[in-house]
């Protein structure tokens, strides 16, 4: 059934997408995206993202997520080719210019965790920085595709100051008595708290984030057992332990996973995910090298237990 829906949707949105260069000027409807140099006109009834850079419409679970990196545009978008987009049904890929910047637009369909998503992706950049916009809606709200696309094609890079993203994080952690410290408050477009242990054996680091979308059609336990793979922190992994956990009244699962990092060094991942009543989730991922791992896992546990929603 899902594949039939996806095929029908693929046909519906296979309209001609403009590959012409665009000149976009600011209007009173343009909104600066927190944490980036991007301005765009969001679709009607979209509000600022609660825990990510961009915009959202809660009743349809539609999102426009934006992140900015210092990478060269050509390097950053090397994978924006059909042969690299495995797991997606590619509708169209177009390269052009927006004002003085290079741009690439990708329209795809993705089946993920029991749902079918329409995704409209636009990257804009130059030799020194790239902004990537990922707009998505589930197939049941396919009428949103054109609105999302129109929003993307209103985008341009503004050279002004980047607004602080501190207010996006809707939770707190207390690193007191852990020997770790807050490293930064955002990472690649997501509202996140990143803690590191400078000088601590094993180089512990913990990343805490809130999900961008709800998980509505998947068993929570199954989701947690598979989700760590998306982090790309541990390879050749072994699941050492997996337990139920409750933090600040939210139920979820705690796991410990061993393996190697991308360079082949032995690492241990401490992973916790807890779910809100409306199926959003908070994710905690602590990574440590083998030396000092027992002490660092205890640090991670102590830090995660201080979690509070604001």
Protein backbone atom coordinates (compact mmCIF):
# COMPACT_ATOMS: atom_id res chain seq x y z
CA UNK A 1 0.00 0.00 0.00
CA UNK A 2 2.78 2.39 0.94
CA UNK A 3 4.65 1.77 -2.31
CA UNK A 4 1.44 2.42 -4.29
CA UNK A 5 0.92 5.71 -2.49
CA UNK A 6 4.53 6.68 -3.09
CA UNK A 7 4.26 5.90 -6.79
CA UNK A 8 1.10 7.96 -7.12
CA UNK A 9 2.68 10.85 -5.27
CA UNK A 10 5.79 10.60 -7.41
CA UNK A 11 3.62 11.15 -10.47
CA UNK A 12 1.71 14.01 -8.87
CA UNK A 13 4.80 16.09 -8.09
CA UNK A 14 6.68 15.32 -11.31
CA UNK A 15 6.03 18.81 -12.57
CA UNK A 16 8.65 20.85 -14.39
CA UNK A 17 11.00 22.40 -11.83
CA UNK A 18 12.71 25.63 -12.77
CA UNK A 19 16.42 25.39 -13.45
CA UNK A 20 16.71 29.06 -14.35
CA UNK A 21 18.91 31.38 -12.35
CA UNK A 22 16.93 33.37 -9.80
CA UNK A 23 17.27 36.92 -8.53
CA UNK A 24 15.59 37.24 -5.13
CA UNK A 25 15.22 40.48 -3.17
CA UNK A 26 14.02 40.93 0.38
CA UNK A 27 10.34 41.69 1.08
CA UNK A 28 8.45 42.44 4.26
CA UNK A 29 7.44 38.77 4.36
CA UNK A 30 10.99 37.44 4.50
CA UNK A 31 12.10 36.01 7.84
CA UNK A 32 15.70 35.54 9.00
CA UNK A 33 16.32 31.94 10.03
CA UNK A 34 17.88 31.78 13.49
CA UNK A 35 21.48 30.59 13.52
CA UNK A 36 22.05 31.13 9.78
CA UNK A 37 22.52 33.81 7.12
CA UNK A 38 19.36 32.67 5.32
CA UNK A 39 16.15 34.63 4.76
CA UNK A 40 13.00 33.07 3.33
CA UNK A 41 9.23 33.44 3.20
CA UNK A 42 7.79 30.53 5.21
CA UNK A 43 4.45 29.00 4.20
CA UNK A 44 1.32 30.39 5.85
CA UNK A 45 0.55 29.02 9.31
CA UNK A 46 4.16 27.91 9.80
CA UNK A 47 5.87 29.03 12.99
CA UNK A 48 9.53 29.11 14.01
CA UNK A 49 10.96 25.70 14.82
CA UNK A 50 10.75 24.90 18.51
CA UNK A 51 13.98 22.93 18.65
CA UNK A 52 15.70 23.45 15.31
CA UNK A 53 16.62 26.22 12.88
CA UNK A 54 13.69 26.74 10.54
CA UNK A 55 9.89 26.49 10.57
CA UNK A 56 7.20 23.97 11.40
CA UNK A 57 3.47 23.33 11.12
CA UNK A 58 2.53 21.18 14.08
CA UNK A 59 -0.85 19.91 12.92
CA UNK A 60 0.62 18.37 9.74
CA UNK A 61 4.08 17.57 11.16
CA UNK A 62 5.59 19.48 8.23
CA UNK A 63 9.03 20.98 8.75
CA UNK A 64 11.63 23.21 7.10
CA UNK A 65 15.00 22.54 8.74
CA UNK A 66 17.97 24.77 7.93
CA UNK A 67 21.64 24.36 8.75
CA UNK A 68 24.70 26.32 7.76
CA UNK A 69 28.29 25.08 7.54
CA UNK A 70 31.57 26.67 6.52
CA UNK A 71 32.22 24.01 3.88
CA UNK A 72 32.75 24.85 0.23
CA UNK A 73 29.45 24.49 -1.70
CA UNK A 74 30.84 22.12 -4.34
CA UNK A 75 32.32 19.85 -1.69
CA UNK A 76 29.22 19.95 0.50
CA UNK A 77 26.88 19.00 -2.36
CA UNK A 78 28.98 16.27 -3.99
CA UNK A 79 26.44 13.68 -2.83
CA UNK A 80 23.48 15.55 -4.36
CA UNK A 81 23.42 13.13 -7.28
CA UNK A 82 20.93 10.36 -8.03
CA UNK A 83 23.57 7.61 -7.73
CA UNK A 84 24.37 8.71 -4.17
CA UNK A 85 20.78 9.16 -2.94
CA UNK A 86 20.19 5.53 -2.00
CA UNK A 87 16.96 4.95 -0.13
CA UNK A 88 15.24 7.83 -1.96
CA UNK A 89 13.04 7.93 -5.04
CA UNK A 90 14.55 10.87 -6.89
CA UNK A 91 12.07 13.09 -8.69
CA UNK A 92 14.39 15.80 -9.92
CA UNK A 93 17.79 17.40 -9.39
CA UNK A 94 18.47 20.91 -10.73
CA UNK A 95 21.53 23.16 -10.48
CA UNK A 96 21.34 26.92 -11.00
CA UNK A 97 22.16 30.21 -9.23
CA UNK A 98 20.32 32.31 -6.66
CA UNK A 99 21.62 35.85 -6.84
CA UNK A 100 25.42 35.38 -6.80
CA UNK A 101 25.37 31.99 -5.08
CA UNK A 102 25.39 28.49 -6.52
CA UNK A 103 22.30 26.39 -5.77
CA UNK A 104 21.01 22.85 -6.18
CA UNK A 105 17.41 21.70 -5.69
CA UNK A 106 16.56 18.04 -5.03
CA UNK A 107 13.01 16.66 -4.96
CA UNK A 108 12.69 13.14 -3.51
CA UNK A 109 10.36 10.66 -1.83
CA UNK A 110 11.57 8.68 1.18
CA UNK A 111 10.07 5.79 3.10
CA UNK A 112 11.24 5.97 6.71
CA UNK A 113 10.03 4.31 9.91
CA UNK A 114 6.70 3.27 8.42
CA UNK A 115 5.87 6.62 6.80
CA UNK A 116 6.32 8.02 3.30
CA UNK A 117 7.79 11.54 3.15
CA UNK A 118 8.00 14.12 0.38
CA UNK A 119 11.26 16.03 0.70
CA UNK A 120 12.31 19.22 -1.02
CA UNK A 121 16.00 20.03 -0.45
CA UNK A 122 17.75 23.23 -1.47
CA UNK A 123 21.43 24.02 -0.93
CA UNK A 124 22.83 27.52 -1.51
CA UNK A 125 26.44 28.53 -1.14
CA UNK A 126 29.84 29.63 -2.35
CA UNK A 127 33.50 28.80 -1.72
CA UNK A 128 33.36 29.50 2.01
CA UNK A 129 29.90 28.49 3.28
CA UNK A 130 26.83 26.44 2.43
CA UNK A 131 23.25 26.61 3.69
CA UNK A 132 21.12 23.47 3.30
CA UNK A 133 17.32 23.60 3.62
CA UNK A 134 15.46 20.32 4.13
CA UNK A 135 11.65 20.66 3.80
CA UNK A 136 9.47 17.62 4.46
CA UNK A 137 5.86 16.51 4.81
CA UNK A 138 4.25 13.10 5.10
CA UNK A 139 2.36 11.68 2.13
CA UNK A 140 -1.01 12.23 3.81
CA UNK A 141 -0.34 15.98 3.49
CA UNK A 142 1.04 15.95 -0.05
CA UNK A 143 -0.85 19.19 -0.75
CA UNK A 144 1.96 20.87 1.23
CA UNK A 145 4.61 20.05 -1.39
CA UNK A 146 4.02 23.12 -3.55
CA UNK A 147 3.96 25.43 -0.50
CA UNK A 148 7.23 23.99 0.75
CA UNK A 149 8.82 24.34 -2.67
CA UNK A 150 7.66 27.95 -2.98
CA UNK A 151 9.20 28.72 0.40
CA UNK A 152 12.50 27.21 -0.67
CA UNK A 153 12.57 29.28 -3.85
CA UNK A 154 12.06 32.48 -1.85
CA UNK A 155 15.40 31.88 -0.07
CA UNK A 156 18.54 33.93 -0.32
CA UNK A 157 21.71 34.51 1.67
CA UNK A 158 21.84 37.64 3.81
CA UNK A 159 25.20 38.99 4.91
CA UNK A 160 24.04 40.28 8.30
CA UNK A 161 24.69 39.06 11.82
CA UNK A 162 23.71 35.50 12.77
CA UNK A 163 21.07 35.48 15.50
CA UNK A 164 21.86 33.40 18.59
CA UNK A 165 20.13 30.02 18.80
CA UNK A 166 20.31 29.66 22.57
CA UNK A 167 16.56 30.08 22.98
CA UNK A 168 15.81 27.07 20.77
CA UNK A 169 16.81 24.54 23.40
CA UNK A 170 13.73 23.70 25.49
CA UNK A 171 15.53 21.63 28.13
CA UNK A 172 18.37 21.89 30.61
CA UNK A 173 21.14 19.66 31.94
CA UNK A 174 23.39 20.30 34.93
CA UNK A 175 27.01 19.25 34.44
CA UNK A 176 28.00 20.11 38.03
CA UNK A 177 30.07 17.33 39.62
CA UNK A 178 30.68 15.57 36.28
CA UNK A 179 33.98 17.27 35.34
CA UNK A 180 32.38 17.97 31.96
CA UNK A 181 31.45 21.36 30.55
CA UNK A 182 29.05 22.82 28.04
CA UNK A 183 30.88 22.99 24.72
CA UNK A 184 28.20 24.52 22.48
CA UNK A 185 24.45 25.04 22.28
CA UNK A 186 23.72 24.04 18.69
CA UNK A 187 25.03 21.70 16.03
CA UNK A 188 24.22 21.59 12.30
CA UNK A 189 20.84 23.22 12.55
CA UNK A 190 19.52 21.35 15.56
CA UNK A 191 18.96 22.81 18.99
CA UNK A 192 21.45 20.79 21.01
CA UNK A 193 23.54 20.85 24.15
CA UNK A 194 27.01 19.41 23.59
CA UNK A 195 29.18 18.58 26.61
CA UNK A 196 32.84 17.63 26.53
CA UNK A 197 35.44 16.52 29.05
CA UNK A 198 38.63 18.32 28.18
CA UNK A 199 41.59 16.57 29.75
CA UNK A 200 39.49 13.61 30.96
CA UNK A 201 40.77 10.14 30.07
CA UNK A 202 38.78 8.74 27.16
CA UNK A 203 37.77 12.17 25.76
CA UNK A 204 34.07 11.87 26.73
CA UNK A 205 31.47 13.87 24.80
CA UNK A 206 27.69 13.91 25.16
CA UNK A 207 25.17 15.37 22.71
CA UNK A 208 21.60 16.07 23.85
CA UNK A 209 18.89 16.95 21.32
CA UNK A 210 15.13 16.93 20.80
CA UNK A 211 13.58 15.32 17.73
CA UNK A 212 12.38 17.46 14.84
CA UNK A 213 9.36 15.26 14.12
CA UNK A 214 7.15 12.86 16.04
CA UNK A 215 7.49 9.07 15.80
CA UNK A 216 3.89 7.98 15.35
CA UNK A 217 3.86 4.63 13.57
CA UNK A 218 6.78 2.75 15.09
CA UNK A 219 7.19 0.79 18.29
CA UNK A 220 9.39 2.88 20.59
CA UNK A 221 11.59 -0.03 21.63
CA UNK A 222 12.26 -1.01 18.02
CA UNK A 223 12.99 2.59 17.08
CA UNK A 224 15.55 3.04 19.86
CA UNK A 225 17.36 -0.20 19.00
CA UNK A 226 17.89 1.00 15.43
CA UNK A 227 18.29 4.77 15.85
CA UNK A 228 21.90 4.81 17.06
CA UNK A 229 22.99 3.78 13.55
CA UNK A 230 21.91 7.18 12.26
CA UNK A 231 24.47 8.85 14.55
CA UNK A 232 27.37 7.28 12.63
CA UNK A 233 29.43 7.26 15.84
CA UNK A 234 29.93 3.51 16.25
CA UNK A 235 30.68 0.83 13.67
CA UNK A 236 31.04 -2.98 13.95
CA UNK A 237 28.88 -2.55 17.02
CA UNK A 238 27.83 -4.89 19.82
CA UNK A 239 24.80 -4.16 22.00
CA UNK A 240 26.03 -4.68 25.57
CA UNK A 241 22.89 -3.69 27.50
CA UNK A 242 19.38 -2.41 26.85
CA UNK A 243 17.03 -1.30 29.64
CA UNK A 244 13.89 0.69 30.26
CA UNK A 245 14.43 4.09 31.88
CA UNK A 246 12.36 7.00 33.22
CA UNK A 247 13.81 10.53 33.30
CA UNK A 248 11.83 13.56 34.46
CA UNK A 249 8.65 11.52 34.10
CA UNK A 250 9.37 10.53 30.49
CA UNK A 251 9.70 6.83 29.63
CA UNK A 252 12.27 5.45 27.25
CA UNK A 253 15.30 3.19 26.90
CA UNK A 254 18.95 3.20 27.90
CA UNK A 255 21.58 1.23 26.00
CA UNK A 256 25.33 0.71 25.96
CA UNK A 257 26.99 -0.16 22.65
CA UNK A 258 30.63 -0.98 21.94
CA UNK A 259 32.44 -0.86 18.62
CA UNK A 260 34.93 1.25 16.71
CA UNK A 261 34.89 4.82 15.44
CA UNK A 262 35.47 5.86 11.82
CA UNK A 263 39.23 5.65 12.39
CA UNK A 264 39.08 2.13 13.82
CA UNK A 265 39.60 3.13 17.47
CA UNK A 266 37.62 1.27 20.13
CA UNK A 267 34.74 3.32 21.56
CA UNK A 268 31.69 2.91 23.77
CA UNK A 269 28.37 4.66 23.15
CA UNK A 270 25.98 5.43 26.01
CA UNK A 271 22.56 6.04 24.45
CA UNK A 272 19.28 7.22 26.02
CA UNK A 273 16.02 8.14 24.30
CA UNK A 274 12.88 9.19 26.19
CA UNK A 275 9.54 10.02 24.60
CA UNK A 276 7.05 12.83 25.20
CA UNK A 277 3.28 12.11 25.35
CA UNK A 278 2.92 13.35 21.73
CA UNK A 279 5.69 11.00 20.49
CA UNK A 280 8.50 13.52 20.13
CA UNK A 281 11.66 12.35 21.84
CA UNK A 282 14.79 13.57 23.60
CA UNK A 283 18.04 11.90 22.61
CA UNK A 284 21.28 11.64 24.60
CA UNK A 285 24.41 10.16 23.05
CA UNK A 286 27.62 9.91 25.05
CA UNK A 287 30.76 8.64 23.35
CA UNK A 288 34.03 7.65 25.04
CA UNK A 289 37.21 5.80 24.16
CA UNK A 290 37.94 2.52 25.94
CA UNK A 291 40.38 4.04 28.44
CA UNK A 292 38.33 5.49 31.26
CA UNK A 293 35.03 4.25 29.79
CA UNK A 294 33.55 3.04 33.09
CA UNK A 295 34.07 6.42 34.75
CA UNK A 296 32.80 8.24 31.68
CA UNK A 297 29.63 6.16 31.44
CA UNK A 298 28.92 7.11 35.05
CA UNK A 299 29.46 10.77 34.08
CA UNK A 300 26.99 10.38 31.22
CA UNK A 301 24.41 8.76 33.51
CA UNK A 302 24.77 11.49 36.11
CA UNK A 303 24.44 14.21 33.47
CA UNK A 304 21.39 12.67 31.76
CA UNK A 305 19.58 12.23 35.10
CA UNK A 306 19.65 16.04 35.56
CA UNK A 307 17.50 16.50 32.43
CA UNK A 308 14.57 18.90 32.85
CA UNK A 309 12.10 20.30 30.32
CA UNK A 310 11.64 24.04 30.36
